[in-house]
PDB file of N, CA and C in Angstrom:
ATOM      1  N   MET A   1     135.897 161.763  79.654  1.00  0.00           N
ATOM      2  CA  MET A   1     135.607 160.145  78.976  1.00  0.00           C
ATOM      3  C   MET A   1     137.136 160.065  78.635  1.00  0.00           C
ATOM      4  N   GLU A   2     137.622 160.388  78.033  1.00  0.00           N
ATOM      5  CA  GLU A   2     138.917 160.261  77.369  1.00  0.00           C
ATOM      6  C   GLU A   2     139.914 159.863  78.599  1.00  0.00           C
ATOM      7  N   ASP A   3     140.143 160.366  79.213  1.00  0.00           N
ATOM      8  CA  ASP A   3     140.623 159.964  80.720  1.00  0.00           C
ATOM      9  C   ASP A   3     140.520 158.557  81.055  1.00  0.00           C
ATOM     10  N   LEU A   4     139.200 158.746  81.209  1.00  0.00           N
ATOM     11  CA  LEU A   4     138.666 156.762  81.727  1.00  0.00           C
ATOM     12  C   LEU A   4     139.373 155.854  80.734  1.00  0.00           C
ATOM     13  N   LEU A   5     139.435 156.519  79.450  1.00  0.00           N
ATOM     14  CA  LEU A   5     139.582 155.473  78.409  1.00  0.00           C
ATOM     15  C   LEU A   5     141.423 155.161  78.568  1.00  0.00           C
ATOM     16  N   LYS A   6     141.874 156.144  78.766  1.00  0.00           N
ATOM     17  CA  LYS A   6     143.469 156.128  78.946  1.00  0.00           C
ATOM     18  C   LYS A   6     143.709 155.506  80.032  1.00  0.00           C
ATOM     19  N   ASN A   7     143.099 155.361  81.205  1.00  0.00           N
ATOM     20  CA  ASN A   7     143.394 154.678  82.204  1.00  0.00           C
ATOM     21  C   ASN A   7     142.972 152.893  82.236  1.00  0.00           C
ATOM     22  N   LEU A   8     142.044 152.669  81.176  1.00  0.00           N
ATOM     23  CA  LEU A   8     141.521 151.634  81.090  1.00  0.00           C
ATOM     24  C   LEU A   8     142.657 150.467  80.594  1.00  0.00           C
ATOM     25  N   GLY A   9     143.662 150.865  79.641  1.00  0.00           N
ATOM     26  CA  GLY A   9     144.707 150.041  79.076  1.00  0.00           C
ATOM     27  C   GLY A   9     143.954 149.682  77.682  1.00  0.00           C
ATOM     28  N   PRO A  10     144.915 148.270  77.443  1.00  0.00           N
ATOM     29  CA  PRO A  10     144.593 147.716  76.071  1.00  0.00           C
ATOM     30  C   PRO A  10     143.456 146.914  76.168  1.00  0.00           C
ATOM     31  N   LYS A  11     142.583 146.576  75.235  1.00  0.00           N
ATOM     32  CA  LYS A  11     141.298 145.644  75.023  1.00  0.00           C
ATOM     33  C   LYS A  11     141.943 144.419  75.579  1.00  0.00           C
ATOM     34  N   LYS A  12     140.770 143.636  75.929  1.00  0.00           N
ATOM     35  CA  LYS A  12     140.823 142.273  76.436  1.00  0.00           C
ATOM     36  C   LYS A  12     139.798 141.599  76.006  1.00  0.00           C
ATOM     37  N   LYS A  13     139.473 140.174  75.644  1.00  0.00           N
ATOM     38  CA  LYS A  13     138.244 139.618  75.818  1.00  0.00           C
ATOM     39  C   LYS A  13     137.499 139.506  77.001  1.00  0.00           C
ATOM     40  N   VAL A  14     136.534 139.732  77.167  1.00  0.00           N
ATOM     41  CA  VAL A  14     135.634 139.740  77.980  1.00  0.00           C
ATOM     42  C   VAL A  14     134.665 139.060  77.991  1.00  0.00           C
ATOM     43  N   SER A  15     134.064 137.653  78.638  1.00  0.00           N
ATOM     44  CA  SER A  15     132.688 137.148  78.718  1.00  0.00           C
ATOM     45  C   SER A  15     131.932 137.960  78.779  1.00  0.00           C
ATOM     46  N   PRO A  16     130.628 137.204  77.989  1.00  0.00           N
ATOM     47  CA  PRO A  16     129.397 137.933  77.935  1.00  0.00           C
ATOM     48  C   PRO A  16     128.814 138.065  79.538  1.00  0.00           C
ATOM     49  N   LEU A  17     129.024 137.175  80.352  1.00  0.00           N
ATOM     50  CA  LEU A  17     128.041 137.320  81.290  1.00  0.00           C
ATOM     51  C   LEU A  17     129.494 138.112  82.197  1.00  0.00           C
ATOM     52  N   GLU A  18     130.332 138.415  82.343  1.00  0.00           N
ATOM     53  CA  GLU A  18     131.379 139.481  83.249  1.00  0.00           C
ATOM     54  C   GLU A  18     130.678 140.952  82.621  1.00  0.00           C
ATOM     55  N   LYS A  19     130.647 140.930  80.906  1.00  0.00           N
ATOM     56  CA  LYS A  19     130.298 141.904  80.322  1.00  0.00           C
ATOM     57  C   LYS A  19     129.043 142.787  81.201  1.00  0.00           C
ATOM     58  N   ASN A  20     127.871 141.666  81.119  1.00  0.00           N
ATOM     59  CA  ASN A  20     126.700 142.285  81.591  1.00  0.00           C
ATOM     60  C   ASN A  20     126.512 142.325  82.906  1.00  0.00           C
ATOM     61  N   ALA A  21     127.608 141.880  84.101  1.00  0.00           N
ATOM     62  CA  ALA A  21     127.721 142.231  85.645  1.00  0.00           C
ATOM     63  C   ALA A  21     128.159 143.677  85.333  1.00  0.00           C
ATOM     64  N   LYS A  22     129.590 144.074  84.548  1.00  0.00           N
ATOM     65  CA  LYS A  22     130.030 145.494  84.439  1.00  0.00           C
ATOM     66  C   LYS A  22     129.055 145.972  84.150  1.00  0.00           C
ATOM     67  N   LEU A  23     128.008 145.944  83.088  1.00  0.00           N
ATOM     68  CA  LEU A  23     127.135 146.818  82.620  1.00  0.00           C
ATOM     69  C   LEU A  23     126.070 147.086  83.530  1.00  0.00           C
ATOM     70  N   ASP A  24     126.026 146.164  84.677  1.00  0.00           N
ATOM     71  CA  ASP A  24     124.787 146.179  85.425  1.00  0.00           C
ATOM     72  C   ASP A  24     125.266 147.171  86.594  1.00  0.00           C
ATOM     73  N   ALA A  25     126.812 147.074  86.726  1.00  0.00           N
ATOM     74  CA  ALA A  25     127.133 147.844  87.824  1.00  0.00           C
ATOM     75  C   ALA A  25     127.169 149.276  87.389  1.00  0.00           C
ATOM     76  N   LEU A  26     127.702 149.606  86.306  1.00  0.00           N
ATOM     77  CA  LEU A  26     127.877 151.052  85.715  1.00  0.00           C
ATOM     78  C   LEU A  26     126.312 151.527  85.535  1.00  0.00           C
ATOM     79  N   LYS A  27     125.507 150.798  85.113  1.00  0.00           N
ATOM     80  CA  LYS A  27     124.093 151.502  84.981  1.00  0.00           C
ATOM     81  C   LYS A  27     123.597 151.780  86.466  1.00  0.00           C
ATOM     82  N   ALA A  28     123.814 150.849  87.464  1.00  0.00           N
ATOM     83  CA  ALA A  28     123.325 151.145  88.871  1.00  0.00           C
ATOM     84  C   ALA A  28     123.897 152.570  89.217  1.00  0.00           C
ATOM     85  N   MET A  29     125.400 152.597  88.944  1.00  0.00           N
ATOM     86  CA  MET A  29     126.143 154.079  89.158  1.00  0.00           C
ATOM     87  C   MET A  29     125.254 154.952  88.510  1.00  0.00           C
ATOM     88  N   LYS A  30     125.202 154.821  87.007  1.00  0.00           N
ATOM     89  CA  LYS A  30     124.508 155.934  86.266  1.00  0.00           C
ATOM     90  C   LYS A  30     123.243 156.520  86.782  1.00  0.00           C
ATOM     91  N   LYS A  31     122.665 155.560  87.258  1.00  0.00           N
ATOM     92  CA  LYS A  31     121.183 155.896  88.112  1.00  0.00           C
ATOM     93  C   LYS A  31     121.170 156.543  89.535  1.00  0.00           C
ATOM     94  N   SER A  32     122.117 156.277  90.135  1.00  0.00           N
ATOM     95  CA  SER A  32     122.339 156.699  91.491  1.00  0.00           C
ATOM     96  C   SER A  32     122.889 158.185  90.983  1.00  0.00           C
ATOM     97  N   ALA A  33     123.932 158.228  90.025  1.00  0.00           N
ATOM     98  CA  ALA A  33     124.249 159.744  89.925  1.00  0.00           C
ATOM     99  C   ALA A  33     122.892 160.417  89.236  1.00  0.00           C
ATOM    100  N   GLY A  34     122.142 160.046  88.557  1.00  0.00           N
ATOM    101  CA  GLY A  34     121.197 160.481  87.780  1.00  0.00           C
ATOM    102  C   GLY A  34     120.193 161.056  88.719  1.00  0.00           C
ATOM    103  N   ASP A  35     119.873 160.416  89.925  1.00  0.00           N
ATOM    104  CA  ASP A  35     118.856 160.387  90.909  1.00  0.00           C
ATOM    105  C   ASP A  35     119.374 161.428  91.574  1.00  0.00           C
ATOM    106  N   VAL A  36     120.461 161.589  92.014  1.00  0.00           N
ATOM    107  CA  VAL A  36     121.137 162.849  92.176  1.00  0.00           C
ATOM    108  C   VAL A  36     121.008 164.055  91.664  1.00  0.00           C
ATOM    109  N   ILE A  37     121.258 164.023  90.230  1.00  0.00           N
ATOM    110  CA  ILE A  37     121.257 165.334  89.519  1.00  0.00           C
ATOM    111  C   ILE A  37     119.974 165.559  89.398  1.00  0.00           C
ATOM    112  N   GLY A  38     118.981 164.452  89.152  1.00  0.00           N
ATOM    113  CA  GLY A  38     117.678 164.964  88.818  1.00  0.00           C
ATOM    114  C   GLY A  38     116.881 165.475  90.112  1.00  0.00           C
ATOM    115  N   ASP A  39     117.194 164.919  91.425  1.00  0.00           N
ATOM    116  CA  ASP A  39     116.670 165.894  92.470  1.00  0.00           C
ATOM    117  C   ASP A  39     116.914 167.154  92.347  1.00  0.00           C
ATOM    118  N   GLU A  40     118.340 167.696  91.917  1.00  0.00           N
ATOM    119  CA  GLU A  40     118.597 169.147  91.549  1.00  0.00           C
ATOM    120  C   GLU A  40     117.420 170.024  90.494  1.00  0.00           C
ATOM    121  N   TYR A  41     117.490 169.179  89.298  1.00  0.00           N
ATOM    122  CA  TYR A  41     116.405 169.809  88.529  1.00  0.00           C
ATOM    123  C   TYR A  41     115.064 169.643  88.425  1.00  0.00           C
ATOM    124  N   ALA A  42     114.548 168.772  89.221  1.00  0.00           N
ATOM    125  CA  ALA A  42     113.423 168.440  89.437  1.00  0.00           C
ATOM    126  C   ALA A  42     112.376 169.666  89.478  1.00  0.00           C
ATOM    127  N   ASP A  43     112.818 170.922  90.005  1.00  0.00           N
ATOM    128  CA  ASP A  43     111.707 171.913  89.859  1.00  0.00           C
ATOM    129  C   ASP A  43     112.054 172.570  88.745  1.00  0.00           C
ATOM    130  N   HIS A  44     112.829 172.253  87.673  1.00  0.00           N
ATOM    131  CA  HIS A  44     112.454 172.911  86.403  1.00  0.00           C
ATOM    132  C   HIS A  44     111.886 171.998  85.412  1.00  0.00           C
ATOM    133  N   LEU A  45     111.567 170.755  85.659  1.00  0.00           N
ATOM    134  CA  LEU A  45     111.110 170.077  84.488  1.00  0.00           C
ATOM    135  C   LEU A  45     109.634 170.502  84.415  1.00  0.00           C
ATOM    136  N   ASN A  46     108.803 170.494  83.457  1.00  0.00           N
ATOM    137  CA  ASN A  46     107.707 170.467  83.067  1.00  0.00           C
ATOM    138  C   ASN A  46     107.054 169.127  82.085  1.00  0.00           C
ATOM    139  N   LYS A  47     105.956 168.809  82.319  1.00  0.00           N
ATOM    140  CA  LYS A  47     105.463 167.515  81.661  1.00  0.00           C
ATOM    141  C   LYS A  47     103.821 167.911  81.558  1.00  0.00           C
ATOM    142  N   VAL A  48     103.166 167.336  80.041  1.00  0.00           N
ATOM    143  CA  VAL A  48     102.029 167.666  79.753  1.00  0.00           C
ATOM    144  C   VAL A  48     101.678 165.920  79.283  1.00  0.00           C
ATOM    145  N   THR A  49     100.648 165.523  79.874  1.00  0.00           N
ATOM    146  CA  THR A  49     100.227 164.215  79.240  1.00  0.00           C
ATOM    147  C   THR A  49      98.950 164.449  78.900  1.00  0.00           C
ATOM    148  N   VAL A  50      98.629 164.006  77.474  1.00  0.00           N
ATOM    149  CA  VAL A  50      97.489 163.912  77.191  1.00  0.00           C
ATOM    150  C   VAL A  50      96.766 162.681  76.565  1.00  0.00           C
ATOM    151  N   ALA A  51      95.709 162.125  77.453  1.00  0.00           N
ATOM    152  CA  ALA A  51      94.763 161.281  77.487  1.00  0.00           C
ATOM    153  C   ALA A  51      93.333 161.466  77.206  1.00  0.00           C
ATOM    154  N   ALA A  52      92.888 160.624  76.216  1.00  0.00           N
ATOM    155  CA  ALA A  52      91.642 160.712  76.164  1.00  0.00           C
ATOM    156  C   ALA A  52      90.979 159.329  75.794  1.00  0.00           C
ATOM    157  N   LYS A  53      89.188 159.358  75.523  1.00  0.00           N
ATOM    158  CA  LYS A  53      89.011 158.089  75.168  1.00  0.00           C
ATOM    159  C   LYS A  53      88.495 158.037  73.630  1.00  0.00           C
ATOM    160  N   ASP A  54      88.628 159.657  73.016  1.00  0.00           N
ATOM    161  CA  ASP A  54      88.259 159.369  71.589  1.00  0.00           C
ATOM    162  C   ASP A  54      89.481 160.693  70.880  1.00  0.00           C
ATOM    163  N   LYS A  55      89.183 160.530  69.525  1.00  0.00           N
ATOM    164  CA  LYS A  55      90.142 161.733  69.250  1.00  0.00           C
ATOM    165  C   LYS A  55      89.617 163.034  69.332  1.00  0.00           C
ATOM    166  N   ALA A  56      88.572 163.292  69.427  1.00  0.00           N
ATOM    167  CA  ALA A  56      88.428 164.748  69.753  1.00  0.00           C
ATOM    168  C   ALA A  56      88.476 165.155  71.194  1.00  0.00           C
ATOM    169  N   GLY A  57      88.642 163.924  71.902  1.00  0.00           N
ATOM    170  CA  GLY A  57      89.542 164.515  73.173  1.00  0.00           C
ATOM    171  C   GLY A  57      90.753 164.832  73.155  1.00  0.00           C
ATOM    172  N   LEU A  58      91.695 163.945  72.478  1.00  0.00           N
ATOM    173  CA  LEU A  58      92.484 163.846  72.503  1.00  0.00           C
ATOM    174  C   LEU A  58      93.129 165.393  71.506  1.00  0.00           C
ATOM    175  N   GLU A  59      92.253 165.544  70.563  1.00  0.00           N
ATOM    176  CA  GLU A  59      92.545 166.921  70.202  1.00  0.00           C
ATOM    177  C   GLU A  59      92.446 168.353  70.801  1.00  0.00           C
ATOM    178  N   GLU A  60      91.384 167.973  71.687  1.00  0.00           N
ATOM    179  CA  GLU A  60      91.138 169.066  72.954  1.00  0.00           C
ATOM    180  C   GLU A  60      92.411 169.117  73.868  1.00  0.00           C
ATOM    181  N   GLY A  61      92.777 167.994  74.044  1.00  0.00           N
ATOM    182  CA  GLY A  61      94.351 168.146  75.367  1.00  0.00           C
ATOM    183  C   GLY A  61      95.218 168.603  74.254  1.00  0.00           C
ATOM    184  N   LEU A  62      95.542 168.088  73.206  1.00  0.00           N
ATOM    185  CA  LEU A  62      96.720 168.376  72.454  1.00  0.00           C
ATOM    186  C   LEU A  62      96.616 170.233  72.431  1.00  0.00           C
ATOM    187  N   ASP A  63      95.466 170.734  71.928  1.00  0.00           N
ATOM    188  CA  ASP A  63      95.505 172.061  71.907  1.00  0.00           C
ATOM    189  C   ASP A  63      95.437 172.941  73.066  1.00  0.00           C
ATOM    190  N   LYS A  64      95.299 172.319  74.138  1.00  0.00           N
ATOM    191  CA  LYS A  64      95.654 172.911  75.820  1.00  0.00           C
ATOM    192  C   LYS A  64      97.131 172.633  75.773  1.00  0.00           C
ATOM    193  N   ALA A  65      98.007 171.723  75.614  1.00  0.00           N
ATOM    194  CA  ALA A  65      98.938 171.390  75.398  1.00  0.00           C
ATOM    195  C   ALA A  65      99.832 172.493  74.907  1.00  0.00           C
ATOM    196  N   LYS A  66      99.342 173.238  73.592  1.00  0.00           N
ATOM    197  CA  LYS A  66     100.026 173.827  72.650  1.00  0.00           C
ATOM    198  C   LYS A  66      99.929 175.411  73.333  1.00  0.00           C
ATOM    199  N   ASP A  67      98.778 175.361  74.067  1.00  0.00           N
ATOM    200  CA  ASP A  67      98.685 176.887  74.646  1.00  0.00           C
ATOM    201  C   ASP A  67      99.488 176.637  75.866  1.00  0.00           C
ATOM    202  N   VAL A  68      99.742 175.784  76.779  1.00  0.00           N
ATOM    203  CA  VAL A  68     100.616 175.903  77.908  1.00  0.00           C
ATOM    204  C   VAL A  68     102.328 175.991  77.417  1.00  0.00           C
ATOM    205  N   LEU A  69     102.543 175.236  75.853  1.00  0.00           N
ATOM    206  CA  LEU A  69     103.692 175.476  75.526  1.00  0.00           C
ATOM    207  C   LEU A  69     103.941 176.915  74.954  1.00  0.00           C
ATOM    208  N   GLY A  70     103.014 177.514  74.447  1.00  0.00           N
ATOM    209  CA  GLY A  70     102.939 178.827  73.848  1.00  0.00           C
ATOM    210  C   GLY A  70     103.456 179.911  75.212  1.00  0.00           C
ATOM    211  N   GLU A  71     102.289 179.601  76.410  1.00  0.00           N
ATOM    212  CA  GLU A  71     103.018 180.392  77.474  1.00  0.00           C
ATOM    213  C   GLU A  71     104.288 180.003  77.726  1.00  0.00           C
ATOM    214  N   MET A  72     104.996 178.952  77.717  1.00  0.00           N
ATOM    215  CA  MET A  72     106.323 178.835  78.103  1.00  0.00           C
ATOM    216  C   MET A  72     107.493 179.460  77.261  1.00  0.00           C
ATOM    217  N   LYS A  73     107.031 179.780  76.136  1.00  0.00           N
ATOM    218  CA  LYS A  73     107.846 180.134  74.887  1.00  0.00           C
ATOM    219  C   LYS A  73     108.173 181.614  75.576  1.00  0.00           C
ATOM    220  N   ASP A  74     107.385 182.502  76.185  1.00  0.00           N
ATOM    221  CA  ASP A  74     107.544 183.661  76.465  1.00  0.00           C
ATOM    222  C   ASP A  74     108.741 183.778  77.586  1.00  0.00           C
ATOM    223  N   GLU A  75     108.819 182.581  78.541  1.00  0.00           N
ATOM    224  CA  GLU A  75     109.822 182.847  79.615  1.00  0.00           C
ATOM    225  C   GLU A  75     111.038 182.575  78.858  1.00  0.00           C
ATOM    226  N   PRO A  76     112.133 183.171  79.422  1.00  0.00           N
ATOM    227  CA  PRO A  76     113.487 183.156  78.988  1.00  0.00           C
ATOM    228  C   PRO A  76     113.928 181.618  78.827  1.00  0.00           C
ATOM    229  N   LYS A  77     114.763 181.346  78.056  1.00  0.00           N
ATOM    230  CA  LYS A  77     115.637 179.907  77.656  1.00  0.00           C
ATOM    231  C   LYS A  77     116.796 179.854  78.677  1.00  0.00           C
ATOM    232  N   GLU A  78     116.830 178.992  79.101  1.00  0.00           N
ATOM    233  CA  GLU A  78     117.894 178.514  79.865  1.00  0.00           C
ATOM    234  C   GLU A  78     119.105 177.903  78.840  1.00  0.00           C
ATOM    235  N   GLU A  79     120.434 178.087  79.258  1.00  0.00           N
ATOM    236  CA  GLU A  79     121.208 177.565  78.180  1.00  0.00           C
ATOM    237  C   GLU A  79     121.508 175.940  77.653  1.00  0.00           C
ATOM    238  N   GLU A  80     120.934 175.304  78.827  1.00  0.00           N
ATOM    239  CA  GLU A  80     120.836 173.858  78.486  1.00  0.00           C
ATOM    240  C   GLU A  80     119.825 173.409  79.644  1.00  0.00           C
ATOM    241  N   SER A  81     119.034 172.273  78.880  1.00  0.00           N
ATOM    242  CA  SER A  81     117.692 172.199  79.241  1.00  0.00           C
ATOM    243  C   SER A  81     117.993 170.816  80.652  1.00  0.00           C
ATOM    244  N   ALA A  82     116.955 170.600  81.526  1.00  0.00           N
ATOM    245  CA  ALA A  82     117.122 169.791  82.352  1.00  0.00           C
ATOM    246  C   ALA A  82     117.502 168.441  81.795  1.00  0.00           C
ATOM    247  N   GLU A  83     116.534 168.075  80.771  1.00  0.00           N
ATOM    248  CA  GLU A  83     116.684 166.989  80.222  1.00  0.00           C
ATOM    249  C   GLU A  83     117.767 166.561  79.384  1.00  0.00           C
ATOM    250  N   GLU A  84     118.456 167.749  78.965  1.00  0.00           N
ATOM    251  CA  GLU A  84     120.048 167.749  78.446  1.00  0.00           C
ATOM    252  C   GLU A  84     121.345 167.219  79.233  1.00  0.00           C
ATOM    253  N   ALA A  85     120.845 167.808  80.405  1.00  0.00           N
ATOM    254  CA  ALA A  85     121.992 167.453  81.864  1.00  0.00           C
ATOM    255  C   ALA A  85     121.863 166.246  81.975  1.00  0.00           C
ATOM    256  N   LEU A  86     120.805 165.600  82.145  1.00  0.00           N
ATOM    257  CA  LEU A  86     120.607 164.221  82.867  1.00  0.00           C
ATOM    258  C   LEU A  86     120.997 163.334  81.662  1.00  0.00           C
ATOM    259  N   GLU A  87     120.579 163.412  80.398  1.00  0.00           N
ATOM    260  CA  GLU A  87     121.126 162.595  79.567  1.00  0.00           C
ATOM    261  C   GLU A  87     122.865 162.159  79.456  1.00  0.00           C
ATOM    262  N   SER A  88     122.882 160.387  79.250  1.00  0.00           N
ATOM    263  CA  SER A  88     124.133 160.316  79.237  1.00  0.00           C
ATOM    264  C   SER A  88     124.227 158.971  78.339  1.00  0.00           C
ATOM    265  N   PRO A  89     124.807 159.117  77.105  1.00  0.00           N
ATOM    266  CA  PRO A  89     124.465 157.993  76.190  1.00  0.00           C
ATOM    267  C   PRO A  89     125.132 156.652  76.697  1.00  0.00           C
ATOM    268  N   ASP A  90     124.355 155.678  76.499  1.00  0.00           N
ATOM    269  CA  ASP A  90     124.809 154.575  76.788  1.00  0.00           C
ATOM    270  C   ASP A  90     125.667 153.886  76.166  1.00  0.00           C
ATOM    271  N   ASP A  91     125.722 154.136  74.975  1.00  0.00           N
ATOM    272  CA  ASP A  91     126.955 154.043  73.747  1.00  0.00           C
ATOM    273  C   ASP A  91     128.651 154.163  74.610  1.00  0.00           C
ATOM    274  N   GLU A  92     128.477 155.304  75.365  1.00  0.00           N
ATOM    275  CA  GLU A  92     129.607 155.984  75.843  1.00  0.00           C
ATOM    276  C   GLU A  92     130.028 154.747  77.051  1.00  0.00           C
ATOM    277  N   ILE A  93     128.944 154.072  77.748  1.00  0.00           N
ATOM    278  CA  ILE A  93     129.031 153.219  78.955  1.00  0.00           C
ATOM    279  C   ILE A  93     129.730 152.010  78.179  1.00  0.00           C
ATOM    280  N   ASP A  94     129.139 151.655  76.992  1.00  0.00           N
ATOM    281  CA  ASP A  94     129.434 150.378  75.999  1.00  0.00           C
ATOM    282  C   ASP A  94     131.042 150.467  75.750  1.00  0.00           C
ATOM    283  N   GLU A  95     131.293 151.790  75.367  1.00  0.00           N
ATOM    284  CA  GLU A  95     132.547 151.971  75.003  1.00  0.00           C
ATOM    285  C   GLU A  95     133.406 151.751  76.153  1.00  0.00           C
ATOM    286  N   VAL A  96     133.294 152.325  77.330  1.00  0.00           N
ATOM    287  CA  VAL A  96     134.271 152.340  78.608  1.00  0.00           C
ATOM    288  C   VAL A  96     134.298 150.462  78.731  1.00  0.00           C
ATOM    289  N   LEU A  97     132.954 150.031  78.710  1.00  0.00           N
ATOM    290  CA  LEU A  97     133.151 148.640  79.015  1.00  0.00           C
ATOM    291  C   LEU A  97     133.863 147.578  78.449  1.00  0.00           C
ATOM    292  N   GLU A  98     133.806 147.857  77.013  1.00  0.00           N
ATOM    293  CA  GLU A  98     134.863 147.202  76.334  1.00  0.00           C
ATOM    294  C   GLU A  98     136.308 147.486  76.441  1.00  0.00           C
ATOM    295  N   ASN A  99     136.719 148.436  77.171  1.00  0.00           N
ATOM    296  CA  ASN A  99     138.081 148.493  77.497  1.00  0.00           C
ATOM    297  C   ASN A  99     138.345 147.845  78.942  1.00  0.00           C
ATOM    298  N   VAL A 100     137.313 147.545  79.700  1.00  0.00           N
ATOM    299  CA  VAL A 100     137.546 147.303  80.976  1.00  0.00           C
ATOM    300  C   VAL A 100     138.096 145.602  81.024  1.00  0.00           C
ATOM    301  N   ASP A 101     139.014 145.747  81.700  1.00  0.00           N
ATOM    302  CA  ASP A 101     139.610 144.141  81.368  1.00  0.00           C
ATOM    303  C   ASP A 101     140.157 143.537  82.737  1.00  0.00           C
ATOM    304  N   SER A 102     139.769 144.500  84.149  1.00  0.00           N
ATOM    305  CA  SER A 102     139.903 143.895  85.527  1.00  0.00           C
ATOM    306  C   SER A 102     138.982 144.312  86.297  1.00  0.00           C
ATOM    307  N   PRO A 103     138.386 143.812  87.442  1.00  0.00           N
ATOM    308  CA  PRO A 103     138.004 143.939  88.327  1.00  0.00           C
ATOM    309  C   PRO A 103     138.474 145.352  89.390  1.00  0.00           C
ATOM    310  N   GLU A 104     140.060 145.586  89.081  1.00  0.00           N
ATOM    311  CA  GLU A 104     140.315 146.456  89.958  1.00  0.00           C
ATOM    312  C   GLU A 104     140.163 147.704  89.133  1.00  0.00           C
ATOM    313  N   LYS A 105     139.990 147.753  87.832  1.00  0.00           N
ATOM    314  CA  LYS A 105     139.585 148.753  87.031  1.00  0.00           C
ATOM    315  C   LYS A 105     138.282 149.088  87.212  1.00  0.00           C
ATOM    316  N   ILE A 106     137.557 148.539  87.455  1.00  0.00           N
ATOM    317  CA  ILE A 106     136.003 148.605  87.817  1.00  0.00           C
ATOM    318  C   ILE A 106     135.961 149.320  89.025  1.00  0.00           C
ATOM    319  N   ASP A 107     136.941 148.707  89.978  1.00  0.00           N
ATOM    320  CA  ASP A 107     136.848 149.549  91.419  1.00  0.00           C
ATOM    321  C   ASP A 107     137.284 150.868  91.234  1.00  0.00           C
ATOM    322  N   GLU A 108     138.365 151.155  90.360  1.00  0.00           N
ATOM    323  CA  GLU A 108     138.974 152.575  90.540  1.00  0.00           C
ATOM    324  C   GLU A 108     137.730 153.376  89.743  1.00  0.00           C
ATOM    325  N   MET A 109     137.352 153.226  88.744  1.00  0.00           N
ATOM    326  CA  MET A 109     135.965 153.953  88.245  1.00  0.00           C
ATOM    327  C   MET A 109     135.028 154.172  89.239  1.00  0.00           C
ATOM    328  N   MET A 110     134.537 153.021  90.294  1.00  0.00           N
ATOM    329  CA  MET A 110     133.476 153.130  90.913  1.00  0.00           C
ATOM    330  C   MET A 110     134.037 154.562  92.142  1.00  0.00           C
ATOM    331  N   LYS A 111     135.369 154.337  92.172  1.00  0.00           N
ATOM    332  CA  LYS A 111     135.581 155.143  93.336  1.00  0.00           C
ATOM    333  C   LYS A 111     135.264 156.617  92.736  1.00  0.00           C
ATOM    334  N   LYS A 112     135.999 157.051  91.725  1.00  0.00           N
ATOM    335  CA  LYS A 112     135.717 158.056  90.909  1.00  0.00           C
ATOM    336  C   LYS A 112     134.363 158.348  90.753  1.00  0.00           C
ATOM    337  N   LEU A 113     133.420 157.571  90.598  1.00  0.00           N
ATOM    338  CA  LEU A 113     131.847 157.919  90.440  1.00  0.00           C
ATOM    339  C   LEU A 113     131.408 158.250  91.956  1.00  0.00           C
ATOM    340  N   MET A 114     131.724 157.443  92.950  1.00  0.00           N
ATOM    341  CA  MET A 114     131.464 157.783  94.376  1.00  0.00           C
ATOM    342  C   MET A 114     131.873 159.356  94.780  1.00  0.00           C
ATOM    343  N   ALA A 115     133.288 159.377  94.089  1.00  0.00           N
ATOM    344  CA  ALA A 115     133.559 160.834  94.684  1.00  0.00           C
ATOM    345  C   ALA A 115     132.654 161.699  94.226  1.00  0.00           C
ATOM    346  N   LYS A 116     132.653 161.669  92.751  1.00  0.00           N
ATOM    347  CA  LYS A 116     131.840 162.667  91.950  1.00  0.00           C
ATOM    348  C   LYS A 116     130.243 162.864  92.856  1.00  0.00           C
ATOM    349  N   LYS A 117     129.759 161.835  92.832  1.00  0.00           N
ATOM    350  CA  LYS A 117     128.462 161.549  93.709  1.00  0.00           C
ATOM    351  C   LYS A 117     128.323 162.627  94.866  1.00  0.00           C
ATOM    352  N   LEU A 118     129.938 162.232  95.894  1.00  0.00           N
ATOM    353  CA  LEU A 118     129.674 163.060  97.113  1.00  0.00           C
ATOM    354  C   LEU A 118     129.883 164.710  97.021  1.00  0.00           C
ATOM    355  N   GLU A 119     130.864 164.952  95.818  1.00  0.00           N
ATOM    356  CA  GLU A 119     130.473 166.070  95.641  1.00  0.00           C
ATOM    357  C   GLU A 119     129.458 167.035  94.948  1.00  0.00           C
ATOM    358  N   LEU A 120     128.685 166.146  94.245  1.00  0.00           N
ATOM    359  CA  LEU A 120     127.078 166.740  93.761  1.00  0.00           C
ATOM    360  C   LEU A 120     126.393 166.594  94.834  1.00  0.00           C
ATOM    361  N   GLU A 121     126.152 165.791  95.931  1.00  0.00           N
ATOM    362  CA  GLU A 121     125.512 165.935  97.119  1.00  0.00           C
ATOM    363  C   GLU A 121     125.866 166.995  97.987  1.00  0.00           C
ATOM    364  N   ALA A 122     127.048 167.474  98.106  1.00  0.00           N
ATOM    365  CA  ALA A 122     127.515 168.486  98.869  1.00  0.00           C
ATOM    366  C   ALA A 122     126.877 169.913  98.448  1.00  0.00           C
ATOM    367  N   LYS A 123     127.415 169.922  97.201  1.00  0.00           N
ATOM    368  CA  LYS A 123     126.416 171.174  96.680  1.00  0.00           C
ATOM    369  C   LYS A 123     125.180 171.239  96.729  1.00  0.00           C
ATOM    370  N   GLY A 124     124.400 170.057  96.828  1.00  0.00           N
ATOM    371  CA  GLY A 124     122.929 170.022  96.911  1.00  0.00           C
ATOM    372  C   GLY A 124     122.379 170.186  98.132  1.00  0.00           C
TER     373      GLY A 124
END
C-alpha cells in the first residue's frame, strides 16, 4: 500500500465529481478482485440464518446455530479466516484516492490491479 502512495506524488485538490468517479472505478476493481478471491474461498465459508415468526422459534434456531458452532470448534482452525482474507478497508481506498491527481495515475493503478487479477485467476 505504501508503494502505491509513493507513486502517487503530492496531494492535489480533486473535484467531488472526479473523486466520486475515481472511487467508483476503484470499488469496481475491488469487487472484481473480491469476486475472484471469493471463488477461491467459497468452499470454506459457513453461514447460519435464523428466522422465525416468534421469539420461541428464534431461540430454537439460535440453539441449533450454537450446536453447529460447537461442532465447528472441534475442527482445526485455519491461520486466517476466509472473511478476513476478503476484507479490504474502504478507508485505505479513500486514502489512495486523496493522493490521486491525474488520470494517468489511475491508469497505472488499474494496470497493477489487472495484473494481480490475472495472476490470481491463473492460480485458481
